[in-house]
Amino acid sequence: MSEPVIAQKSPMPLPVIAGQTYYWCSCGKSATQPLCDGSHKGSGFSPTPYKAEKDGTVYFCGCKHSGNGALCDGSHKTL
């Protein structure tokens, strides 16, 4: 698998807690989007860690094409 599966063409908001690390699904196969559930095994993809700096809502990339790591950068608008 060389291209990730597009989970959705919009950001995925998720409440986060300061100091916790979240593992963003980079392959698009996870049933627990936007977080990894291990579905990437054997695909060549691996989860991307994101450590929350403060409590609040974070907008994770849903299209899996962001140039900003786990966070949405608007790349879904060009897909």
Protein backbone atom coordinates (compact mmCIF):
# COMPACT_ATOMS: atom_id res chain seq x y z
CA MET A 1 0.00 0.00 0.00
CA SER A 2 1.68 3.21 -1.13
CA GLU A 3 -1.19 5.68 -0.71
CA PRO A 4 -3.28 6.08 2.44
CA VAL A 5 -7.03 5.46 2.42
CA ILE A 6 -8.95 8.75 2.64
CA ALA A 7 -11.02 8.33 5.81
CA GLN A 8 -12.93 11.59 5.18
CA LYS A 9 -12.37 14.84 3.30
CA SER A 10 -12.58 17.10 6.33
CA PRO A 11 -10.76 17.53 9.63
CA MET A 12 -11.63 15.30 12.57
CA PRO A 13 -12.08 17.23 15.84
CA LEU A 14 -11.00 15.42 18.99
CA PRO A 15 -10.86 16.69 22.57
CA VAL A 16 -7.35 16.22 23.99
CA ILE A 17 -5.80 16.44 27.45
CA ALA A 18 -2.52 18.28 28.07
CA GLY A 19 0.45 15.96 28.39
CA GLN A 20 -1.22 12.93 26.81
CA THR A 21 0.10 11.38 23.61
CA TYR A 22 -2.36 10.37 20.89
CA TYR A 23 -1.48 8.12 17.97
CA TRP A 24 -2.95 9.42 14.71
CA CYS A 25 -3.81 6.85 12.05
CA SER A 26 -1.71 7.62 8.97
CA CYS A 27 -2.99 4.74 6.79
CA GLY A 28 -6.70 5.56 6.91
CA LYS A 29 -7.76 1.98 7.72
CA SER A 30 -8.44 2.39 11.45
CA ALA A 31 -11.99 1.83 12.68
CA THR A 32 -11.29 4.31 15.49
CA GLN A 33 -10.51 7.35 13.29
CA PRO A 34 -8.65 9.60 13.67
CA LEU A 35 -6.69 7.40 16.08
CA CYS A 36 -4.77 4.22 15.31
CA ASP A 37 -6.22 0.78 16.08
CA GLY A 38 -3.36 -1.24 14.57
CA SER A 39 -5.00 -1.77 11.16
CA HIS A 40 -1.84 -0.49 9.46
CA LYS A 41 0.10 -3.70 10.19
CA GLY A 42 1.77 -4.94 7.01
CA SER A 43 0.91 -1.78 5.06
CA GLY A 44 4.19 0.12 5.42
CA PHE A 45 2.43 2.86 7.41
CA SER A 46 2.82 3.56 11.11
CA PRO A 47 0.91 5.79 13.55
CA THR A 48 2.08 9.34 14.11
CA PRO A 49 2.37 10.43 17.76
CA TYR A 50 0.83 13.75 18.76
CA LYS A 51 1.46 15.09 22.27
CA ALA A 52 -1.14 17.59 23.44
CA GLU A 53 0.35 20.78 24.84
CA LYS A 54 -2.92 21.97 26.38
CA ASP A 55 -6.48 20.80 26.99
CA GLY A 56 -8.84 21.56 24.13
CA THR A 57 -10.00 20.42 20.72
CA VAL A 58 -7.49 19.42 18.06
CA TYR A 59 -8.37 19.02 14.38
CA PHE A 60 -6.69 15.87 13.12
CA CYS A 61 -6.27 15.26 9.39
CA GLY A 62 -9.02 13.03 8.01
CA CYS A 63 -7.78 12.76 4.42
CA LYS A 64 -4.31 11.46 5.45
CA HIS A 65 -2.56 13.84 3.03
CA SER A 66 -1.68 16.70 5.40
CA GLY A 67 1.77 18.23 5.15
CA ASN A 68 1.34 19.18 8.82
CA GLY A 69 1.72 15.67 10.28
CA ALA A 70 -1.32 14.55 12.26
CA LEU A 71 -3.03 17.94 12.10
CA CYS A 72 -5.25 19.18 9.28
CA ASP A 73 -3.68 21.71 6.91
CA GLY A 74 -6.56 21.93 4.41
CA SER A 75 -5.08 19.41 1.94
CA HIS A 76 -8.50 17.73 1.71
CA LYS A 77 -9.72 20.69 -0.35
CA THR A 78 -7.54 19.61 -3.29
CA LEU A 79 -8.45 15.91 -3.33
